[in-house]
Amino acid sequence: MSQNMNITGIHHITALAGDAQKNLDFYTGVLGLRFIKKTVNFDDPGVYHLYYGDDIGSPGSIMTFFPYGGIRRGRHGTGLVNTTTFSVPMDALGYWEKRLDRFDIPRKNAQERLGKEVFIYFEDHDGLGMELVFNDLDERKPYSDGPVPPEYAIRGFYSAEIWASGYERTGALLTGKMDHRLIGESGNRFRFATLDVPGNYIDILVPSSNTTGLSGYGTIHHIAFRSPDTNSQQEIRQSIRQYGLQPTPVIDRQYFKSVYFREPGGVLFEIATDAPGFTVDEAPDKLGSELRLPPHHEFNRKHIESGLPAIAEHSKSYV
C-alpha cells in the first residue's frame, strides 16, 4: 500500500432498517456475523445503532443499522448505494445456496460478471440488496464462533454498488481525490478500487431505468471509507473541500472519527478512521453484550433505555 494513500478501502456501510429484532436475527443468525456493538444513533438517541462484523469489528467487515421501526420502505434507484456485497470462499457456493433456501430467503441463481466473479443476489427481510461473491482472493479471517462454519463464513465486504445516471462525476471524485483508480468495466458497470483486493471495490452501475432512489427502510444511509488515522483524514477532508464539496468538521463517533459529505451523485460518503475500534469500551469477549452510550448521553440512560425496544440474542437455532 502506498504511504501516500489516504483512503484504503471500505470501512463500514450503514443502512436503515425496520424491526430491530428481525435485523439482529438476520445478520447474526442467517448471515452469521458477530453482534459487535449495541449503541444508539448519536444524533438521534431514541433509535438503536446496531453493528455487525468479524471477531472484533475490523474495518472492512462492519455492517451497521438504524432500525427506525415505522418509517416508510425505501426504493432502490440512482443516488444510492443499492447493493452491499460480502466476500466468501469460492467453495462455499453450495453451502450458501442451501442456507438461504433453508431460511426461505429468496435468491437469484449464481451468476458471473467481469469475467471472473461468481455471485448470488438476495435481499434481507427489509428489501436491502445484498450479494455474496465467491472467491479465493480474500485472506481475512471470519468470525470464528458464529452459526456459519469458519470455512464458509463471510470474510468482510467485497464491494459496494452505487447506482448513478452517469459514472463520470462520481468516478472523477474517486480517482481524483480519493485514491481510487478505474480497474474494470463491462457494459454499464464501472469498477473502482484503491487496491485490487476484496473490500476495496466500488462499482458504479448506470441502470437503464433512471428511477431515483428513495430513502427508507431497506436502503443504505451512507458508505464509509477507511482512512488510516486522523492526519490522513484531515488531508482527505482538505482535498474534498478544494474539490468544491462541503465536508463536515471531524465528528467523534467514539469508535472512529468521521467526516461526511455528499458526492456529486447524491450518495452520502463518510471518511472514518481505523482507530480506536470497538474494544475501547468493551472487552473483546463482551462485544455487543450491553447498551453502550456516548458520554454526552450517559446522564439520560434510563430515559433512553425505556424508549428502545427490547432485543435479545435469537432463540431459534441458526446452526
C-alpha atoms as a PDB file:
ATOM      1  CA  MET A   1       0.000   0.000   0.000  1.00  0.00           C
ATOM      2  CA  SER A   2       1.287   3.420  -0.910  1.00  0.00           C
ATOM      3  CA  GLN A   3       2.399   5.508   2.064  1.00  0.00           C
ATOM      4  CA  ASN A   4       0.587   8.448   0.476  1.00  0.00           C
ATOM      5  CA  MET A   5      -2.753   6.659   0.346  1.00  0.00           C
ATOM      6  CA  ASN A   6      -5.375   8.410   2.481  1.00  0.00           C
ATOM      7  CA  ILE A   7      -8.212   6.030   1.538  1.00  0.00           C
ATOM      8  CA  THR A   8      -7.589   2.315   1.994  1.00  0.00           C
ATOM      9  CA  GLY A   9     -10.912   0.637   1.216  1.00  0.00           C
ATOM     10  CA  ILE A  10     -14.411   0.352   2.684  1.00  0.00           C
ATOM     11  CA  HIS A  11     -14.671   0.952   6.435  1.00  0.00           C
ATOM     12  CA  HIS A  12     -18.379   0.311   7.094  1.00  0.00           C
ATOM     13  CA  ILE A  13     -21.777   0.532   5.452  1.00  0.00           C
ATOM     14  CA  THR A  14     -24.822   1.815   7.330  1.00  0.00           C
ATOM     15  CA  ALA A  15     -28.420   1.081   6.370  1.00  0.00           C
ATOM     16  CA  LEU A  16     -31.937   1.912   7.539  1.00  0.00           C
ATOM     17  CA  ALA A  17     -33.978  -0.983   8.901  1.00  0.00           C
ATOM     18  CA  GLY A  18     -37.439  -1.726  10.249  1.00  0.00           C
ATOM     19  CA  ASP A  19     -37.723  -4.122  13.194  1.00  0.00           C
ATOM     20  CA  ALA A  20     -34.605  -4.277  15.398  1.00  0.00           C
ATOM     21  CA  GLN A  21     -35.045  -7.896  16.498  1.00  0.00           C
ATOM     22  CA  LYS A  22     -35.564  -9.152  12.951  1.00  0.00           C
ATOM     23  CA  ASN A  23     -32.450  -7.234  11.936  1.00  0.00           C
ATOM     24  CA  LEU A  24     -30.404  -8.885  14.700  1.00  0.00           C
ATOM     25  CA  ASP A  25     -31.755 -12.324  13.812  1.00  0.00           C
ATOM     26  CA  PHE A  26     -30.936 -11.973  10.126  1.00  0.00           C
ATOM     27  CA  TYR A  27     -27.401 -10.636  10.376  1.00  0.00           C
ATOM     28  CA  THR A  28     -26.189 -12.750  13.291  1.00  0.00           C
ATOM     29  CA  GLY A  29     -28.378 -15.787  12.605  1.00  0.00           C
ATOM     30  CA  VAL A  30     -28.701 -16.213   8.855  1.00  0.00           C
ATOM     31  CA  LEU A  31     -25.507 -14.432   7.751  1.00  0.00           C
ATOM     32  CA  GLY A  32     -23.522 -15.454  10.807  1.00  0.00           C
ATOM     33  CA  LEU A  33     -21.894 -12.110  11.607  1.00  0.00           C
ATOM     34  CA  ARG A  34     -20.918 -11.175  15.145  1.00  0.00           C
ATOM     35  CA  PHE A  35     -23.023  -8.634  17.038  1.00  0.00           C
ATOM     36  CA  ILE A  36     -20.220  -6.265  17.997  1.00  0.00           C
ATOM     37  CA  LYS A  37     -21.931  -3.151  19.337  1.00  0.00           C
ATOM     38  CA  LYS A  38     -25.334  -2.141  20.679  1.00  0.00           C
ATOM     39  CA  THR A  39     -25.486   1.614  20.953  1.00  0.00           C
ATOM     40  CA  VAL A  40     -27.713   4.454  19.731  1.00  0.00           C
ATOM     41  CA  ASN A  41     -27.712   6.863  16.848  1.00  0.00           C
ATOM     42  CA  PHE A  42     -25.532   9.587  18.345  1.00  0.00           C
ATOM     43  CA  ASP A  43     -27.627  12.241  16.575  1.00  0.00           C
ATOM     44  CA  ASP A  44     -30.977  10.616  17.413  1.00  0.00           C
ATOM     45  CA  PRO A  45     -30.571   8.592  20.635  1.00  0.00           C
ATOM     46  CA  GLY A  46     -34.129   7.282  20.560  1.00  0.00           C
ATOM     47  CA  VAL A  47     -33.008   4.823  17.856  1.00  0.00           C
ATOM     48  CA  TYR A  48     -30.545   1.955  18.127  1.00  0.00           C
ATOM     49  CA  HIS A  49     -27.333   1.824  16.164  1.00  0.00           C
ATOM     50  CA  LEU A  50     -26.523  -1.878  15.728  1.00  0.00           C
ATOM     51  CA  TYR A  51     -23.131  -3.051  14.456  1.00  0.00           C
ATOM     52  CA  TYR A  52     -22.166  -6.441  13.000  1.00  0.00           C
ATOM     53  CA  GLY A  53     -18.807  -7.724  11.772  1.00  0.00           C
ATOM     54  CA  ASP A  54     -15.965 -10.122  12.374  1.00  0.00           C
ATOM     55  CA  ASP A  55     -14.461 -11.105  15.761  1.00  0.00           C
ATOM     56  CA  ILE A  56     -13.548  -7.535  16.736  1.00  0.00           C
ATOM     57  CA  GLY A  57     -15.356  -5.440  14.139  1.00  0.00           C
ATOM     58  CA  SER A  58     -12.346  -4.856  11.912  1.00  0.00           C
ATOM     59  CA  PRO A  59     -12.666  -2.031   9.387  1.00  0.00           C
ATOM     60  CA  GLY A  60     -13.966  -3.551   6.180  1.00  0.00           C
ATOM     61  CA  SER A  61     -16.240  -6.032   7.970  1.00  0.00           C
ATOM     62  CA  ILE A  62     -18.697  -3.668   9.660  1.00  0.00           C
ATOM     63  CA  MET A  63     -22.360  -3.583   8.621  1.00  0.00           C
ATOM     64  CA  THR A  64     -24.463  -1.216  10.736  1.00  0.00           C
ATOM     65  CA  PHE A  65     -28.146  -0.311  11.019  1.00  0.00           C
ATOM     66  CA  PHE A  66     -30.512   2.319  12.302  1.00  0.00           C
ATOM     67  CA  PRO A  67     -33.728   0.290  12.924  1.00  0.00           C
ATOM     68  CA  TYR A  68     -36.363   3.033  12.816  1.00  0.00           C
ATOM     69  CA  GLY A  69     -39.394   0.786  13.038  1.00  0.00           C
ATOM     70  CA  GLY A  70     -42.320   2.632  11.499  1.00  0.00           C
ATOM     71  CA  ILE A  71     -40.605   4.562   8.701  1.00  0.00           C
ATOM     72  CA  ARG A  72     -41.599   4.001   5.080  1.00  0.00           C
ATOM     73  CA  ARG A  73     -39.948   1.419   2.875  1.00  0.00           C
ATOM     74  CA  GLY A  74     -37.268   2.872   0.633  1.00  0.00           C
ATOM     75  CA  ARG A  75     -36.814   2.386  -3.101  1.00  0.00           C
ATOM     76  CA  HIS A  76     -33.713   1.294  -4.946  1.00  0.00           C
ATOM     77  CA  GLY A  77     -32.566   3.751  -7.583  1.00  0.00           C
ATOM     78  CA  THR A  78     -29.983   6.305  -8.604  1.00  0.00           C
ATOM     79  CA  GLY A  79     -28.315   8.363  -5.923  1.00  0.00           C
ATOM     80  CA  LEU A  80     -27.978   5.437  -3.511  1.00  0.00           C
ATOM     81  CA  VAL A  81     -25.721   2.539  -2.707  1.00  0.00           C
ATOM     82  CA  ASN A  82     -28.155  -0.225  -3.652  1.00  0.00           C
ATOM     83  CA  THR A  83     -26.199  -3.446  -3.171  1.00  0.00           C
ATOM     84  CA  THR A  84     -23.855  -4.456  -0.372  1.00  0.00           C
ATOM     85  CA  THR A  85     -21.592  -7.321  -1.336  1.00  0.00           C
ATOM     86  CA  PHE A  86     -19.857  -9.732   1.051  1.00  0.00           C
ATOM     87  CA  SER A  87     -16.820 -11.894   0.369  1.00  0.00           C
ATOM     88  CA  VAL A  88     -16.977 -15.670   0.982  1.00  0.00           C
ATOM     89  CA  PRO A  89     -14.734 -18.573  -0.088  1.00  0.00           C
ATOM     90  CA  MET A  90     -15.139 -19.998  -3.564  1.00  0.00           C
ATOM     91  CA  ASP A  91     -16.050 -23.477  -2.348  1.00  0.00           C
ATOM     92  CA  ALA A  92     -18.869 -22.094  -0.174  1.00  0.00           C
ATOM     93  CA  LEU A  93     -21.323 -21.707  -3.076  1.00  0.00           C
ATOM     94  CA  GLY A  94     -23.293 -24.871  -2.418  1.00  0.00           C
ATOM     95  CA  TYR A  95     -23.365 -24.210   1.324  1.00  0.00           C
ATOM     96  CA  TRP A  96     -24.837 -20.717   0.901  1.00  0.00           C
ATOM     97  CA  GLU A  97     -27.392 -21.799  -1.701  1.00  0.00           C
ATOM     98  CA  LYS A  98     -28.718 -24.376   0.746  1.00  0.00           C
ATOM     99  CA  ARG A  99     -28.533 -21.996   3.710  1.00  0.00           C
ATOM    100  CA  LEU A 100     -30.520 -19.215   2.042  1.00  0.00           C
ATOM    101  CA  ASP A 101     -33.071 -21.742   0.851  1.00  0.00           C
ATOM    102  CA  ARG A 102     -33.309 -23.250   4.326  1.00  0.00           C
ATOM    103  CA  PHE A 103     -34.290 -19.911   5.843  1.00  0.00           C
ATOM    104  CA  ASP A 104     -36.637 -19.035   2.957  1.00  0.00           C
ATOM    105  CA  ILE A 105     -34.512 -16.147   1.692  1.00  0.00           C
ATOM    106  CA  PRO A 106     -35.437 -15.574  -1.967  1.00  0.00           C
ATOM    107  CA  ARG A 107     -32.321 -15.517  -4.133  1.00  0.00           C
ATOM    108  CA  LYS A 108     -31.262 -15.459  -7.728  1.00  0.00           C
ATOM    109  CA  ASN A 109     -29.239 -18.272  -9.216  1.00  0.00           C
ATOM    110  CA  ALA A 110     -25.468 -17.906  -9.220  1.00  0.00           C
ATOM    111  CA  GLN A 111     -24.240 -15.519 -11.927  1.00  0.00           C
ATOM    112  CA  GLU A 112     -20.916 -14.289 -13.305  1.00  0.00           C
ATOM    113  CA  ARG A 113     -19.654 -10.797 -14.095  1.00  0.00           C
ATOM    114  CA  LEU A 114     -16.495  -9.011 -15.132  1.00  0.00           C
ATOM    115  CA  GLY A 115     -15.202 -12.304 -16.438  1.00  0.00           C
ATOM    116  CA  LYS A 116     -14.226 -13.662 -13.031  1.00  0.00           C
ATOM    117  CA  GLU A 117     -16.819 -13.199 -10.303  1.00  0.00           C
ATOM    118  CA  VAL A 118     -19.389 -15.736  -9.212  1.00  0.00           C
ATOM    119  CA  PHE A 119     -22.105 -14.221  -7.062  1.00  0.00           C
ATOM    120  CA  ILE A 120     -25.593 -14.709  -5.649  1.00  0.00           C
ATOM    121  CA  TYR A 121     -28.030 -11.809  -5.237  1.00  0.00           C
ATOM    122  CA  PHE A 122     -30.643 -11.789  -2.480  1.00  0.00           C
ATOM    123  CA  GLU A 123     -32.366  -9.313  -0.176  1.00  0.00           C
ATOM    124  CA  ASP A 124     -32.787  -9.175   3.566  1.00  0.00           C
ATOM    125  CA  HIS A 125     -36.206  -9.047   5.245  1.00  0.00           C
ATOM    126  CA  ASP A 126     -36.389  -5.272   4.647  1.00  0.00           C
ATOM    127  CA  GLY A 127     -35.538  -5.500   0.949  1.00  0.00           C
ATOM    128  CA  LEU A 128     -31.912  -4.400   1.271  1.00  0.00           C
ATOM    129  CA  GLY A 129     -29.950  -5.573  -1.755  1.00  0.00           C
ATOM    130  CA  MET A 130     -27.137  -7.992  -0.922  1.00  0.00           C
ATOM    131  CA  GLU A 131     -24.707 -10.276  -2.686  1.00  0.00           C
ATOM    132  CA  LEU A 132     -22.251 -12.979  -1.778  1.00  0.00           C
ATOM    133  CA  VAL A 133     -19.190 -13.103  -4.037  1.00  0.00           C
ATOM    134  CA  PHE A 134     -17.361 -16.436  -4.076  1.00  0.00           C
ATOM    135  CA  ASN A 135     -13.607 -16.070  -4.443  1.00  0.00           C
ATOM    136  CA  ASP A 136     -10.211 -17.362  -3.312  1.00  0.00           C
ATOM    137  CA  LEU A 137      -8.608 -13.925  -3.060  1.00  0.00           C
ATOM    138  CA  ASP A 138      -9.636 -12.976   0.474  1.00  0.00           C
ATOM    139  CA  GLU A 139      -7.113 -13.689   3.243  1.00  0.00           C
ATOM    140  CA  ARG A 140      -9.091 -12.055   6.059  1.00  0.00           C
ATOM    141  CA  LYS A 141     -10.305 -14.204   8.940  1.00  0.00           C
ATOM    142  CA  PRO A 142     -14.062 -14.521   9.544  1.00  0.00           C
ATOM    143  CA  TYR A 143     -15.992 -14.501  12.799  1.00  0.00           C
ATOM    144  CA  SER A 144     -14.871 -17.773  14.342  1.00  0.00           C
ATOM    145  CA  ASP A 145     -17.714 -18.532  16.760  1.00  0.00           C
ATOM    146  CA  GLY A 146     -20.918 -17.968  14.803  1.00  0.00           C
ATOM    147  CA  PRO A 147     -23.510 -20.352  13.373  1.00  0.00           C
ATOM    148  CA  VAL A 148     -21.746 -20.483   9.998  1.00  0.00           C
ATOM    149  CA  PRO A 149     -18.658 -22.721   9.957  1.00  0.00           C
ATOM    150  CA  PRO A 150     -15.473 -20.622   9.524  1.00  0.00           C
ATOM    151  CA  GLU A 151     -14.581 -22.330   6.253  1.00  0.00           C
ATOM    152  CA  TYR A 152     -17.786 -20.939   4.709  1.00  0.00           C
ATOM    153  CA  ALA A 153     -18.185 -17.719   6.684  1.00  0.00           C
ATOM    154  CA  ILE A 154     -18.210 -14.102   5.498  1.00  0.00           C
ATOM    155  CA  ARG A 155     -14.743 -12.524   5.408  1.00  0.00           C
ATOM    156  CA  GLY A 156     -15.947  -8.924   5.186  1.00  0.00           C
ATOM    157  CA  PHE A 157     -17.125  -6.676   2.406  1.00  0.00           C
ATOM    158  CA  TYR A 158     -16.243  -7.433  -1.178  1.00  0.00           C
ATOM    159  CA  SER A 159     -17.700  -4.334  -2.836  1.00  0.00           C
ATOM    160  CA  ALA A 160     -20.468  -1.773  -2.808  1.00  0.00           C
ATOM    161  CA  GLU A 161     -22.653  -0.883  -5.790  1.00  0.00           C
ATOM    162  CA  ILE A 162     -23.725   2.711  -6.448  1.00  0.00           C
ATOM    163  CA  TRP A 163     -26.418   3.439  -8.992  1.00  0.00           C
ATOM    164  CA  ALA A 164     -25.940   6.677 -10.914  1.00  0.00           C
ATOM    165  CA  SER A 165     -27.354   8.358 -14.004  1.00  0.00           C
ATOM    166  CA  GLY A 166     -23.734   8.606 -15.182  1.00  0.00           C
ATOM    167  CA  TYR A 167     -20.465   7.346 -13.765  1.00  0.00           C
ATOM    168  CA  GLU A 168     -18.233  10.248 -14.760  1.00  0.00           C
ATOM    169  CA  ARG A 169     -18.670  12.723 -11.882  1.00  0.00           C
ATOM    170  CA  THR A 170     -18.505  10.176  -9.072  1.00  0.00           C
ATOM    171  CA  GLY A 171     -15.699   8.376 -10.864  1.00  0.00           C
ATOM    172  CA  ALA A 172     -13.742  11.616 -11.198  1.00  0.00           C
ATOM    173  CA  LEU A 173     -14.069  12.217  -7.455  1.00  0.00           C
ATOM    174  CA  LEU A 174     -12.934   8.679  -6.620  1.00  0.00           C
ATOM    175  CA  THR A 175      -9.913   8.805  -8.933  1.00  0.00           C
ATOM    176  CA  GLY A 176      -9.021  12.467  -8.488  1.00  0.00           C
ATOM    177  CA  LYS A 177      -9.340  12.913  -4.731  1.00  0.00           C
ATOM    178  CA  MET A 178      -9.969   9.545  -3.065  1.00  0.00           C
ATOM    179  CA  ASP A 179      -7.035   7.348  -4.182  1.00  0.00           C
ATOM    180  CA  HIS A 180      -9.131   5.048  -6.400  1.00  0.00           C
ATOM    181  CA  ARG A 181      -8.474   4.016  -9.975  1.00  0.00           C
ATOM    182  CA  LEU A 182     -10.696   2.508 -12.628  1.00  0.00           C
ATOM    183  CA  ILE A 183      -9.750  -1.169 -12.724  1.00  0.00           C
ATOM    184  CA  GLY A 184     -12.515  -2.697 -14.821  1.00  0.00           C
ATOM    185  CA  GLU A 185     -15.679  -2.089 -16.794  1.00  0.00           C
ATOM    186  CA  SER A 186     -18.298  -4.156 -18.503  1.00  0.00           C
ATOM    187  CA  GLY A 187     -21.352  -2.677 -20.189  1.00  0.00           C
ATOM    188  CA  ASN A 188     -22.905  -0.258 -17.728  1.00  0.00           C
ATOM    189  CA  ARG A 189     -20.710  -1.313 -14.762  1.00  0.00           C
ATOM    190  CA  PHE A 190     -17.554   0.598 -13.849  1.00  0.00           C
ATOM    191  CA  ARG A 191     -15.309  -0.714 -11.068  1.00  0.00           C
ATOM    192  CA  PHE A 192     -13.008   1.463  -8.984  1.00  0.00           C
ATOM    193  CA  ALA A 193     -10.625   0.438  -6.207  1.00  0.00           C
ATOM    194  CA  THR A 194      -7.738   1.635  -4.093  1.00  0.00           C
ATOM    195  CA  LEU A 195      -6.199  -1.838  -4.186  1.00  0.00           C
ATOM    196  CA  ASP A 196      -7.345  -4.750  -6.338  1.00  0.00           C
ATOM    197  CA  VAL A 197      -8.437  -6.951  -3.427  1.00  0.00           C
ATOM    198  CA  PRO A 198     -11.797  -7.735  -1.780  1.00  0.00           C
ATOM    199  CA  GLY A 199     -13.047  -4.971   0.480  1.00  0.00           C
ATOM    200  CA  ASN A 200     -11.847  -2.207  -1.838  1.00  0.00           C
ATOM    201  CA  TYR A 201     -14.214  -2.331  -4.800  1.00  0.00           C
ATOM    202  CA  ILE A 202     -16.703   0.420  -5.593  1.00  0.00           C
ATOM    203  CA  ASP A 203     -18.923  -0.374  -8.579  1.00  0.00           C
ATOM    204  CA  ILE A 204     -20.854   2.389 -10.299  1.00  0.00           C
ATOM    205  CA  LEU A 205     -23.796   0.976 -12.207  1.00  0.00           C
ATOM    206  CA  VAL A 206     -25.638   3.121 -14.747  1.00  0.00           C
ATOM    207  CA  PRO A 207     -29.100   1.481 -14.865  1.00  0.00           C
ATOM    208  CA  SER A 208     -31.285   1.538 -17.952  1.00  0.00           C
ATOM    209  CA  SER A 209     -34.109   2.983 -15.859  1.00  0.00           C
ATOM    210  CA  ASN A 210     -33.219   6.300 -14.286  1.00  0.00           C
ATOM    211  CA  THR A 211     -35.500   5.851 -11.268  1.00  0.00           C
ATOM    212  CA  THR A 212     -34.369   7.989  -8.354  1.00  0.00           C
ATOM    213  CA  GLY A 213     -33.784   6.102  -5.126  1.00  0.00           C
ATOM    214  CA  LEU A 214     -35.850   6.985  -2.072  1.00  0.00           C
ATOM    215  CA  SER A 215     -34.548   6.736   1.473  1.00  0.00           C
ATOM    216  CA  GLY A 216     -36.393   4.417   3.846  1.00  0.00           C
ATOM    217  CA  TYR A 217     -36.007   1.031   5.462  1.00  0.00           C
ATOM    218  CA  GLY A 218     -34.250  -1.384   3.162  1.00  0.00           C
ATOM    219  CA  THR A 219     -31.859   1.251   1.789  1.00  0.00           C
ATOM    220  CA  ILE A 220     -28.306   2.338   2.550  1.00  0.00           C
ATOM    221  CA  HIS A 221     -27.917   5.511   4.589  1.00  0.00           C
ATOM    222  CA  HIS A 222     -24.204   6.010   3.873  1.00  0.00           C
ATOM    223  CA  ILE A 223     -20.968   4.295   2.967  1.00  0.00           C
ATOM    224  CA  ALA A 224     -17.785   4.934   4.949  1.00  0.00           C
ATOM    225  CA  PHE A 225     -14.283   4.741   3.524  1.00  0.00           C
ATOM    226  CA  ARG A 226     -11.249   3.792   5.610  1.00  0.00           C
ATOM    227  CA  SER A 227      -8.577   6.334   6.440  1.00  0.00           C
ATOM    228  CA  PRO A 228      -5.602   5.131   8.496  1.00  0.00           C
ATOM    229  CA  ASP A 229      -5.518   7.923  11.077  1.00  0.00           C
ATOM    230  CA  THR A 230      -6.598  11.475  11.871  1.00  0.00           C
ATOM    231  CA  ASN A 231      -3.764  13.003   9.839  1.00  0.00           C
ATOM    232  CA  SER A 232      -4.754  11.177   6.669  1.00  0.00           C
ATOM    233  CA  GLN A 233      -8.385  12.003   7.382  1.00  0.00           C
ATOM    234  CA  GLN A 234      -7.593  15.701   7.593  1.00  0.00           C
ATOM    235  CA  GLU A 235      -5.691  15.514   4.316  1.00  0.00           C
ATOM    236  CA  ILE A 236      -8.622  13.918   2.504  1.00  0.00           C
ATOM    237  CA  ARG A 237     -11.049  16.392   4.103  1.00  0.00           C
ATOM    238  CA  GLN A 238      -8.988  19.299   2.801  1.00  0.00           C
ATOM    239  CA  SER A 239      -8.788  17.687  -0.617  1.00  0.00           C
ATOM    240  CA  ILE A 240     -12.578  17.278  -0.702  1.00  0.00           C
ATOM    241  CA  ARG A 241     -13.045  20.948   0.225  1.00  0.00           C
ATOM    242  CA  GLN A 242     -10.704  22.011  -2.572  1.00  0.00           C
ATOM    243  CA  TYR A 243     -12.788  19.907  -4.948  1.00  0.00           C
ATOM    244  CA  GLY A 244     -15.763  22.149  -4.174  1.00  0.00           C
ATOM    245  CA  LEU A 245     -17.691  19.793  -1.908  1.00  0.00           C
ATOM    246  CA  GLN A 246     -18.685  20.550   1.674  1.00  0.00           C
ATOM    247  CA  PRO A 247     -17.324  18.068   4.208  1.00  0.00           C
ATOM    248  CA  THR A 248     -18.419  18.310   7.829  1.00  0.00           C
ATOM    249  CA  PRO A 249     -15.963  19.015  10.618  1.00  0.00           C
ATOM    250  CA  VAL A 250     -14.407  15.929  12.181  1.00  0.00           C
ATOM    251  CA  ILE A 251     -17.027  14.245  14.406  1.00  0.00           C
ATOM    252  CA  ASP A 252     -16.127  11.877  17.238  1.00  0.00           C
ATOM    253  CA  ARG A 253     -18.145   8.669  16.900  1.00  0.00           C
ATOM    254  CA  GLN A 254     -16.318   7.064  19.851  1.00  0.00           C
ATOM    255  CA  TYR A 255     -15.172   4.037  17.851  1.00  0.00           C
ATOM    256  CA  PHE A 256     -13.764   6.133  14.994  1.00  0.00           C
ATOM    257  CA  LYS A 257     -13.548   9.755  13.876  1.00  0.00           C
ATOM    258  CA  SER A 258     -15.832  10.718  10.973  1.00  0.00           C
ATOM    259  CA  VAL A 259     -16.174  13.282   8.203  1.00  0.00           C
ATOM    260  CA  TYR A 260     -19.295  13.294   5.991  1.00  0.00           C
ATOM    261  CA  PHE A 261     -20.104  14.814   2.594  1.00  0.00           C
ATOM    262  CA  ARG A 262     -22.384  14.272  -0.384  1.00  0.00           C
ATOM    263  CA  GLU A 263     -20.650  13.103  -3.538  1.00  0.00           C
ATOM    264  CA  PRO A 264     -21.787  14.606  -6.875  1.00  0.00           C
ATOM    265  CA  GLY A 265     -24.370  11.855  -7.474  1.00  0.00           C
ATOM    266  CA  GLY A 266     -26.034  12.398  -4.100  1.00  0.00           C
ATOM    267  CA  VAL A 267     -24.669   9.453  -2.088  1.00  0.00           C
ATOM    268  CA  LEU A 268     -23.624  10.281   1.469  1.00  0.00           C
ATOM    269  CA  PHE A 269     -19.934   9.433   1.850  1.00  0.00           C
ATOM    270  CA  GLU A 270     -18.068   9.185   5.150  1.00  0.00           C
ATOM    271  CA  ILE A 271     -14.353   9.105   5.851  1.00  0.00           C
ATOM    272  CA  ALA A 272     -13.759   7.046   9.027  1.00  0.00           C
ATOM    273  CA  THR A 273     -10.518   6.369  10.884  1.00  0.00           C
ATOM    274  CA  ASP A 274      -9.421   2.832  11.690  1.00  0.00           C
ATOM    275  CA  ALA A 275      -8.877   3.615  15.386  1.00  0.00           C
ATOM    276  CA  PRO A 276      -9.737   3.398  18.205  1.00  0.00           C
ATOM    277  CA  GLY A 277     -12.080   0.497  17.354  1.00  0.00           C
ATOM    278  CA  PHE A 278     -14.849  -1.315  19.198  1.00  0.00           C
ATOM    279  CA  THR A 279     -12.868  -2.630  22.148  1.00  0.00           C
ATOM    280  CA  VAL A 280     -12.412   0.893  23.517  1.00  0.00           C
ATOM    281  CA  ASP A 281     -15.416   0.435  25.849  1.00  0.00           C
ATOM    282  CA  GLU A 282     -15.938  -3.361  25.927  1.00  0.00           C
ATOM    283  CA  ALA A 283     -13.599  -6.307  26.264  1.00  0.00           C
ATOM    284  CA  PRO A 284     -13.259  -8.386  23.075  1.00  0.00           C
ATOM    285  CA  ASP A 285     -15.222 -11.281  24.571  1.00  0.00           C
ATOM    286  CA  LYS A 286     -18.033  -8.945  25.703  1.00  0.00           C
ATOM    287  CA  LEU A 287     -18.683  -7.048  22.475  1.00  0.00           C
ATOM    288  CA  GLY A 288     -22.375  -6.333  21.917  1.00  0.00           C
ATOM    289  CA  SER A 289     -23.415  -7.570  25.349  1.00  0.00           C
ATOM    290  CA  GLU A 290     -24.639  -4.264  26.799  1.00  0.00           C
ATOM    291  CA  LEU A 291     -26.116  -0.984  25.614  1.00  0.00           C
ATOM    292  CA  ARG A 292     -23.212   1.417  25.216  1.00  0.00           C
ATOM    293  CA  LEU A 293     -23.885   5.145  25.210  1.00  0.00           C
ATOM    294  CA  PRO A 294     -21.572   8.013  24.312  1.00  0.00           C
ATOM    295  CA  PRO A 295     -20.563  10.110  27.334  1.00  0.00           C
ATOM    296  CA  HIS A 296     -22.821  13.025  26.372  1.00  0.00           C
ATOM    297  CA  HIS A 297     -25.897  10.757  26.530  1.00  0.00           C
ATOM    298  CA  GLU A 298     -24.957   8.735  29.613  1.00  0.00           C
ATOM    299  CA  PHE A 299     -26.785  11.072  32.012  1.00  0.00           C
ATOM    300  CA  ASN A 300     -30.039  10.233  30.198  1.00  0.00           C
ATOM    301  CA  ARG A 301     -29.543   6.445  30.156  1.00  0.00           C
ATOM    302  CA  LYS A 302     -32.769   5.487  31.952  1.00  0.00           C
ATOM    303  CA  HIS A 303     -34.916   7.578  29.621  1.00  0.00           C
ATOM    304  CA  ILE A 304     -33.121   6.281  26.528  1.00  0.00           C
ATOM    305  CA  GLU A 305     -33.361   2.642  27.613  1.00  0.00           C
ATOM    306  CA  SER A 306     -37.067   2.966  28.361  1.00  0.00           C
ATOM    307  CA  GLY A 307     -37.783   4.156  24.843  1.00  0.00           C
ATOM    308  CA  LEU A 308     -35.846   1.449  22.987  1.00  0.00           C
ATOM    309  CA  PRO A 309     -37.425  -1.903  22.066  1.00  0.00           C
ATOM    310  CA  ALA A 310     -36.082  -4.958  23.852  1.00  0.00           C
ATOM    311  CA  ILE A 311     -33.800  -7.102  21.704  1.00  0.00           C
ATOM    312  CA  ALA A 312     -32.034 -10.333  22.570  1.00  0.00           C
ATOM    313  CA  GLU A 313     -29.912 -12.992  21.024  1.00  0.00           C
ATOM    314  CA  HIS A 314     -32.155 -15.141  18.845  1.00  0.00           C
ATOM    315  CA  SER A 315     -33.703 -18.229  20.399  1.00  0.00           C
ATOM    316  CA  LYS A 316     -34.141 -20.003  17.060  1.00  0.00           C
ATOM    317  CA  SER A 317     -31.295 -22.264  16.002  1.00  0.00           C
ATOM    318  CA  TYR A 318     -29.312 -20.965  13.018  1.00  0.00           C
ATOM    319  CA  VAL A 319     -26.529 -23.552  13.153  1.00  0.00           C
END
